[in-house]
């Protein structure tokens, strides 16, 4: 799926960390709204055939892609940057990667290095299927 983005990424790394922590703890993180219409014109002038347009949730989706998949983000200054979120499996805490974490072997210094992306995608799909099934009851 390709998403057309509207603006640069404006969250700081601590907000990304907080989003990942909320997901880990099962807290709600808000809605993501997409729209698919083949007649919508994109920023480059082409039509949106086969593309979903992200209406709401761009910052959350970008944060997740950066933290989990290790993708660069384009910040306010239009520079490409990496956001690295670390995890301590003993204390079950997340932090923004820093030099102290890099030296401490307890920490997973970048969660994107150890996550199996296909398993995560399948897990998200399975969760949504369970939610949809429960909503039909």
N, C-alpha and C. Protein backbone atom coordinates (compact mmCIF):
# COMPACT_ATOMS: atom_id res chain seq x y z
N UNK A 1 0.85 -1.17 0.00
CA UNK A 1 0.00 0.00 0.00
C UNK A 1 0.89 1.23 0.00
N UNK A 2 0.59 2.18 -0.84
CA UNK A 2 1.33 3.44 -0.89
C UNK A 2 0.43 4.53 -0.34
N UNK A 3 0.95 5.35 0.55
CA UNK A 3 0.18 6.44 1.11
C UNK A 3 0.78 7.76 0.67
N UNK A 4 -0.06 8.67 0.24
CA UNK A 4 0.36 10.01 -0.12
C UNK A 4 0.41 10.84 1.16
N UNK A 5 1.56 11.40 1.49
CA UNK A 5 1.68 12.16 2.74
C UNK A 5 1.48 13.64 2.48
N UNK A 6 1.00 14.33 3.52
CA UNK A 6 0.61 15.72 3.36
C UNK A 6 1.67 16.72 3.84
N UNK A 7 2.42 16.36 4.86
CA UNK A 7 3.33 17.33 5.46
C UNK A 7 4.50 16.60 6.10
N UNK A 8 5.55 17.34 6.51
CA UNK A 8 6.68 16.67 7.16
C UNK A 8 6.30 16.12 8.53
N UNK A 9 7.16 15.28 9.04
CA UNK A 9 6.96 14.66 10.34
C UNK A 9 7.33 15.67 11.41
N UNK A 10 6.41 15.96 12.34
CA UNK A 10 6.64 17.01 13.33
C UNK A 10 6.79 16.50 14.76
N UNK A 11 6.57 15.21 14.98
CA UNK A 11 6.72 14.68 16.33
C UNK A 11 8.19 14.60 16.71
N UNK A 12 8.48 14.80 18.00
CA UNK A 12 9.85 14.55 18.46
C UNK A 12 9.97 13.07 18.85
N UNK A 13 11.18 12.62 19.07
CA UNK A 13 11.44 11.21 19.35
C UNK A 13 10.76 10.71 20.62
N UNK A 14 10.60 11.58 21.62
CA UNK A 14 9.94 11.14 22.85
C UNK A 14 8.47 10.85 22.61
N UNK A 15 7.85 11.57 21.70
CA UNK A 15 6.45 11.29 21.39
C UNK A 15 6.31 9.95 20.66
N UNK A 16 7.28 9.64 19.81
CA UNK A 16 7.29 8.33 19.14
C UNK A 16 7.45 7.24 20.20
N UNK A 17 8.38 7.43 21.13
CA UNK A 17 8.57 6.48 22.22
C UNK A 17 7.27 6.27 22.99
N UNK A 18 6.56 7.35 23.29
CA UNK A 18 5.31 7.25 24.03
C UNK A 18 4.24 6.48 23.24
N UNK A 19 4.20 6.67 21.93
CA UNK A 19 3.26 5.92 21.09
C UNK A 19 3.56 4.43 21.14
N UNK A 20 4.83 4.07 20.99
CA UNK A 20 5.23 2.66 21.04
C UNK A 20 4.89 2.07 22.41
N UNK A 21 5.15 2.82 23.46
CA UNK A 21 4.85 2.36 24.82
C UNK A 21 3.34 2.15 24.98
N UNK A 22 2.53 3.06 24.48
CA UNK A 22 1.07 2.92 24.57
C UNK A 22 0.60 1.67 23.84
N UNK A 23 1.14 1.41 22.67
CA UNK A 23 0.78 0.21 21.94
C UNK A 23 1.17 -1.04 22.72
N UNK A 24 2.36 -1.03 23.27
CA UNK A 24 2.87 -2.16 24.03
C UNK A 24 1.97 -2.47 25.23
N UNK A 25 1.47 -1.43 25.86
CA UNK A 25 0.64 -1.59 27.05
C UNK A 25 -0.84 -1.76 26.74
N UNK A 26 -1.19 -1.69 25.44
CA UNK A 26 -2.58 -1.89 25.04
C UNK A 26 -3.46 -0.68 25.21
N UNK A 27 -2.88 0.51 25.31
CA UNK A 27 -3.67 1.73 25.44
C UNK A 27 -4.18 2.17 24.07
N UNK A 28 -5.30 2.86 24.02
CA UNK A 28 -5.79 3.36 22.73
C UNK A 28 -4.87 4.44 22.18
N UNK A 29 -4.72 4.46 20.87
CA UNK A 29 -3.83 5.46 20.25
C UNK A 29 -4.55 6.33 19.23
N UNK A 30 -5.85 6.23 19.14
CA UNK A 30 -6.61 7.07 18.22
C UNK A 30 -6.89 6.36 16.91
N UNK A 31 -7.50 7.09 16.01
CA UNK A 31 -7.93 6.55 14.73
C UNK A 31 -6.94 6.84 13.61
N UNK A 32 -6.98 5.98 12.60
CA UNK A 32 -6.29 6.23 11.34
C UNK A 32 -7.38 6.14 10.28
N UNK A 33 -7.54 7.21 9.51
CA UNK A 33 -8.60 7.26 8.51
C UNK A 33 -7.97 7.37 7.12
N UNK A 34 -8.34 6.42 6.25
CA UNK A 34 -7.89 6.46 4.86
C UNK A 34 -9.10 6.56 3.95
N UNK A 35 -8.84 6.95 2.71
CA UNK A 35 -9.90 7.08 1.72
C UNK A 35 -9.34 6.61 0.39
N UNK A 36 -10.11 5.82 -0.31
CA UNK A 36 -9.68 5.37 -1.63
C UNK A 36 -10.72 5.79 -2.65
N UNK A 37 -10.30 6.63 -3.57
CA UNK A 37 -11.16 7.11 -4.64
C UNK A 37 -10.27 7.34 -5.86
N UNK A 38 -10.50 6.62 -6.96
CA UNK A 38 -9.59 6.72 -8.12
C UNK A 38 -9.62 8.08 -8.82
N UNK A 39 -10.55 8.94 -8.47
CA UNK A 39 -10.66 10.24 -9.16
C UNK A 39 -10.04 11.40 -8.40
N UNK A 40 -9.40 11.12 -7.27
CA UNK A 40 -8.78 12.20 -6.50
C UNK A 40 -7.41 12.50 -7.09
N UNK A 41 -7.14 13.79 -7.29
CA UNK A 41 -5.86 14.21 -7.84
C UNK A 41 -4.84 14.39 -6.72
N UNK A 42 -3.66 13.77 -6.89
CA UNK A 42 -2.60 13.84 -5.90
C UNK A 42 -1.77 15.11 -6.08
N UNK A 43 -0.84 15.34 -5.15
CA UNK A 43 -0.01 16.54 -5.20
C UNK A 43 0.78 16.65 -6.49
N UNK A 44 1.20 15.51 -7.07
CA UNK A 44 1.99 15.56 -8.29
C UNK A 44 1.14 15.64 -9.56
N UNK A 45 -0.19 15.74 -9.38
CA UNK A 45 -1.08 15.89 -10.52
C UNK A 45 -1.68 14.60 -11.04
N UNK A 46 -1.12 13.44 -10.64
CA UNK A 46 -1.67 12.16 -11.09
C UNK A 46 -2.94 11.85 -10.32
N UNK A 47 -3.73 10.91 -10.88
CA UNK A 47 -4.92 10.45 -10.17
C UNK A 47 -4.54 9.37 -9.18
N UNK A 48 -5.34 9.18 -8.15
CA UNK A 48 -5.01 8.29 -7.05
C UNK A 48 -5.37 6.83 -7.31
N UNK A 49 -5.37 6.41 -8.55
CA UNK A 49 -5.74 5.03 -8.88
C UNK A 49 -4.95 4.03 -8.04
N UNK A 50 -5.67 3.16 -7.32
CA UNK A 50 -5.03 2.11 -6.53
C UNK A 50 -4.34 2.59 -5.26
N UNK A 51 -4.44 3.86 -4.94
CA UNK A 51 -3.78 4.39 -3.75
C UNK A 51 -4.82 4.78 -2.71
N UNK A 52 -4.43 4.61 -1.46
CA UNK A 52 -5.26 5.10 -0.37
C UNK A 52 -4.69 6.44 0.08
N UNK A 53 -5.58 7.36 0.33
CA UNK A 53 -5.17 8.68 0.79
C UNK A 53 -5.38 8.72 2.30
N UNK A 54 -4.36 9.11 3.01
CA UNK A 54 -4.41 9.18 4.46
C UNK A 54 -5.07 10.50 4.86
N UNK A 55 -6.25 10.39 5.46
CA UNK A 55 -7.00 11.58 5.87
C UNK A 55 -6.58 12.02 7.27
N UNK A 56 -6.46 11.07 8.19
CA UNK A 56 -6.08 11.39 9.56
C UNK A 56 -5.20 10.27 10.10
N UNK A 57 -4.12 10.64 10.80
CA UNK A 57 -3.24 9.65 11.41
C UNK A 57 -1.85 9.62 10.79
N UNK A 58 -1.52 10.61 9.97
CA UNK A 58 -0.22 10.61 9.29
C UNK A 58 0.94 10.55 10.27
N UNK A 59 0.89 11.33 11.34
CA UNK A 59 2.01 11.37 12.27
C UNK A 59 2.17 10.02 12.98
N UNK A 60 1.05 9.40 13.35
CA UNK A 60 1.12 8.08 14.02
C UNK A 60 1.65 7.01 13.07
N UNK A 61 1.16 6.99 11.84
CA UNK A 61 1.63 6.00 10.87
C UNK A 61 3.12 6.21 10.59
N UNK A 62 3.52 7.45 10.40
CA UNK A 62 4.93 7.74 10.14
C UNK A 62 5.79 7.35 11.34
N UNK A 63 5.30 7.62 12.54
CA UNK A 63 6.04 7.24 13.76
C UNK A 63 6.22 5.74 13.84
N UNK A 64 5.16 4.99 13.56
CA UNK A 64 5.24 3.53 13.61
C UNK A 64 6.19 2.99 12.56
N UNK A 65 6.12 3.52 11.35
CA UNK A 65 7.02 3.06 10.28
C UNK A 65 8.48 3.37 10.64
N UNK A 66 8.71 4.51 11.25
CA UNK A 66 10.07 4.89 11.64
C UNK A 66 10.60 3.98 12.75
N UNK A 67 9.79 3.76 13.78
CA UNK A 67 10.25 3.00 14.94
C UNK A 67 10.31 1.51 14.67
N UNK A 68 9.30 0.97 14.00
CA UNK A 68 9.21 -0.48 13.83
C UNK A 68 9.95 -0.96 12.59
N UNK A 69 9.83 -0.21 11.49
CA UNK A 69 10.48 -0.63 10.25
C UNK A 69 11.85 0.01 10.04
N UNK A 70 12.18 1.00 10.86
CA UNK A 70 13.48 1.66 10.73
C UNK A 70 13.58 2.62 9.56
N UNK A 71 12.43 3.09 9.07
CA UNK A 71 12.44 4.01 7.93
C UNK A 71 12.83 5.42 8.37
N UNK A 72 13.46 6.15 7.45
CA UNK A 72 13.76 7.56 7.70
C UNK A 72 12.47 8.36 7.72
N UNK A 73 12.48 9.49 8.42
CA UNK A 73 11.38 10.44 8.36
C UNK A 73 11.93 11.76 7.83
N UNK A 74 11.05 12.55 7.23
CA UNK A 74 11.41 13.88 6.78
C UNK A 74 10.90 14.85 7.83
N UNK A 75 11.83 15.55 8.50
CA UNK A 75 11.45 16.42 9.61
C UNK A 75 11.02 17.81 9.14
N UNK A 76 10.80 18.69 10.08
CA UNK A 76 10.32 20.05 9.77
C UNK A 76 11.26 20.82 8.85
N UNK A 77 12.54 20.50 8.94
CA UNK A 77 13.53 21.17 8.10
C UNK A 77 13.72 20.44 6.76
N UNK A 78 12.88 19.43 6.53
CA UNK A 78 12.91 18.59 5.33
C UNK A 78 14.21 17.79 5.21
N UNK A 79 14.81 17.47 6.36
CA UNK A 79 15.96 16.58 6.41
C UNK A 79 15.48 15.17 6.70
N UNK A 80 16.16 14.17 6.12
CA UNK A 80 15.85 12.78 6.45
C UNK A 80 16.60 12.41 7.72
N UNK A 81 15.85 11.89 8.71
CA UNK A 81 16.45 11.49 9.98
C UNK A 81 15.92 10.13 10.40
N UNK A 82 16.68 9.46 11.26
CA UNK A 82 16.28 8.18 11.84
C UNK A 82 15.79 8.42 13.26
N UNK A 83 14.76 7.70 13.63
CA UNK A 83 14.29 7.71 15.01
C UNK A 83 14.51 6.30 15.55
N UNK A 84 15.31 6.19 16.58
CA UNK A 84 15.64 4.88 17.13
C UNK A 84 15.08 4.77 18.54
N UNK A 85 14.19 3.82 18.70
CA UNK A 85 13.56 3.58 20.00
C UNK A 85 14.16 2.31 20.59
N UNK A 86 14.61 2.42 21.84
CA UNK A 86 15.24 1.30 22.55
C UNK A 86 14.23 0.67 23.51
N UNK A 87 14.49 -0.60 23.86
CA UNK A 87 13.61 -1.32 24.78
C UNK A 87 14.44 -2.08 25.79
N UNK A 88 14.04 -1.97 27.05
CA UNK A 88 14.66 -2.74 28.12
C UNK A 88 13.71 -3.88 28.48
N UNK A 89 14.05 -5.12 28.12
CA UNK A 89 13.13 -6.23 28.38
C UNK A 89 12.99 -6.59 29.86
N UNK A 90 13.93 -6.17 30.68
CA UNK A 90 13.86 -6.46 32.12
C UNK A 90 12.81 -5.55 32.78
N UNK A 91 12.91 -4.25 32.50
CA UNK A 91 11.98 -3.29 33.11
C UNK A 91 10.77 -3.01 32.23
N UNK A 92 10.78 -3.55 31.00
CA UNK A 92 9.73 -3.32 30.01
C UNK A 92 9.47 -1.84 29.79
N UNK A 93 10.58 -1.11 29.57
CA UNK A 93 10.47 0.32 29.30
C UNK A 93 11.08 0.64 27.94
N UNK A 94 10.54 1.68 27.33
CA UNK A 94 11.05 2.18 26.07
C UNK A 94 11.73 3.52 26.32
N UNK A 95 12.78 3.79 25.57
CA UNK A 95 13.48 5.07 25.63
C UNK A 95 13.96 5.43 24.23
N UNK A 96 14.22 6.70 24.02
CA UNK A 96 14.88 7.13 22.79
C UNK A 96 16.34 6.70 22.92
N UNK A 97 16.86 6.10 21.86
CA UNK A 97 18.25 5.63 21.90
C UNK A 97 19.19 6.79 22.24
N UNK A 98 20.17 6.51 23.11
CA UNK A 98 21.18 7.51 23.48
C UNK A 98 22.50 6.77 23.74
N UNK A 99 23.61 7.49 23.93
CA UNK A 99 24.91 6.83 24.13
C UNK A 99 24.95 5.87 25.32
N UNK A 100 24.26 6.19 26.41
CA UNK A 100 24.26 5.30 27.58
C UNK A 100 23.56 3.98 27.24
N UNK A 101 22.48 4.05 26.53
CA UNK A 101 21.76 2.83 26.13
C UNK A 101 22.63 1.99 25.21
N UNK A 102 23.34 2.62 24.29
CA UNK A 102 24.20 1.89 23.36
C UNK A 102 25.29 1.10 24.11
N UNK A 103 25.72 1.59 25.27
CA UNK A 103 26.76 0.92 26.05
C UNK A 103 26.21 -0.18 26.97
N UNK A 104 24.92 -0.12 27.27
CA UNK A 104 24.31 -1.04 28.23
C UNK A 104 23.74 -2.25 27.49
N UNK A 105 24.29 -3.42 27.73
CA UNK A 105 23.89 -4.64 27.01
C UNK A 105 22.50 -5.14 27.37
N UNK A 106 21.92 -4.63 28.44
CA UNK A 106 20.54 -5.01 28.81
C UNK A 106 19.55 -4.50 27.76
N UNK A 107 19.83 -3.34 27.20
CA UNK A 107 18.90 -2.69 26.27
C UNK A 107 18.97 -3.27 24.87
N UNK A 108 17.83 -3.35 24.23
CA UNK A 108 17.76 -3.53 22.78
C UNK A 108 17.81 -2.11 22.25
N UNK A 109 18.91 -1.75 21.64
CA UNK A 109 19.15 -0.33 21.34
C UNK A 109 18.27 0.23 20.22
N UNK A 110 17.74 -0.64 19.36
CA UNK A 110 16.86 -0.18 18.28
C UNK A 110 15.86 -1.30 18.00
N UNK A 111 14.61 -1.08 18.36
CA UNK A 111 13.61 -2.14 18.23
C UNK A 111 13.42 -2.59 16.78
N UNK A 112 13.72 -1.72 15.83
CA UNK A 112 13.53 -2.11 14.42
C UNK A 112 14.54 -3.18 14.00
N UNK A 113 15.64 -3.31 14.72
CA UNK A 113 16.65 -4.32 14.38
C UNK A 113 16.19 -5.73 14.73
N UNK A 114 15.29 -5.86 15.68
CA UNK A 114 14.94 -7.20 16.16
C UNK A 114 13.51 -7.63 15.82
N UNK A 115 12.71 -6.72 15.31
CA UNK A 115 11.33 -7.07 15.01
C UNK A 115 11.22 -7.76 13.66
N UNK A 116 10.47 -8.83 13.62
CA UNK A 116 10.17 -9.53 12.38
C UNK A 116 8.96 -8.84 11.78
N UNK A 117 9.19 -8.03 10.78
CA UNK A 117 8.14 -7.17 10.24
C UNK A 117 6.94 -7.95 9.71
N UNK A 118 7.16 -9.09 9.08
CA UNK A 118 6.04 -9.86 8.56
C UNK A 118 5.18 -10.41 9.70
N UNK A 119 5.80 -10.82 10.79
CA UNK A 119 5.03 -11.31 11.94
C UNK A 119 4.19 -10.20 12.54
N UNK A 120 4.74 -9.00 12.61
CA UNK A 120 4.00 -7.86 13.16
C UNK A 120 2.79 -7.55 12.28
N UNK A 121 3.01 -7.52 10.97
CA UNK A 121 1.91 -7.24 10.04
C UNK A 121 0.82 -8.29 10.19
N UNK A 122 1.19 -9.55 10.28
CA UNK A 122 0.21 -10.62 10.45
C UNK A 122 -0.52 -10.48 11.77
N UNK A 123 0.19 -10.12 12.82
CA UNK A 123 -0.42 -9.95 14.13
C UNK A 123 -1.45 -8.81 14.11
N UNK A 124 -1.11 -7.71 13.45
CA UNK A 124 -2.05 -6.59 13.34
C UNK A 124 -3.29 -7.03 12.56
N UNK A 125 -3.10 -7.75 11.47
CA UNK A 125 -4.24 -8.24 10.68
C UNK A 125 -5.12 -9.15 11.53
N UNK A 126 -4.53 -10.06 12.28
CA UNK A 126 -5.29 -10.98 13.12
C UNK A 126 -6.07 -10.23 14.20
N UNK A 127 -5.46 -9.20 14.78
CA UNK A 127 -6.13 -8.40 15.80
C UNK A 127 -7.34 -7.69 15.21
N UNK A 128 -7.17 -7.09 14.03
CA UNK A 128 -8.30 -6.41 13.38
C UNK A 128 -9.41 -7.39 13.04
N UNK A 129 -9.06 -8.57 12.59
CA UNK A 129 -10.09 -9.57 12.29
C UNK A 129 -10.88 -9.94 13.54
N UNK A 130 -10.18 -10.09 14.67
CA UNK A 130 -10.87 -10.41 15.93
C UNK A 130 -11.79 -9.27 16.35
N UNK A 131 -11.32 -8.02 16.19
CA UNK A 131 -12.13 -6.86 16.54
C UNK A 131 -13.38 -6.78 15.67
N UNK A 132 -13.19 -6.99 14.37
CA UNK A 132 -14.33 -6.95 13.45
C UNK A 132 -15.33 -8.05 13.75
N UNK A 133 -14.84 -9.22 14.09
CA UNK A 133 -15.71 -10.34 14.45
C UNK A 133 -16.52 -10.02 15.70
N UNK A 134 -15.87 -9.43 16.71
CA UNK A 134 -16.56 -9.06 17.95
C UNK A 134 -17.61 -7.97 17.71
N UNK A 135 -17.33 -7.07 16.78
CA UNK A 135 -18.27 -5.98 16.51
C UNK A 135 -19.55 -6.51 15.85
N UNK A 136 -19.49 -7.63 15.17
CA UNK A 136 -20.65 -8.19 14.50
C UNK A 136 -21.56 -8.95 15.45
N UNK A 137 -21.06 -9.23 16.66
CA UNK A 137 -21.86 -10.01 17.63
C UNK A 137 -23.01 -9.19 18.14
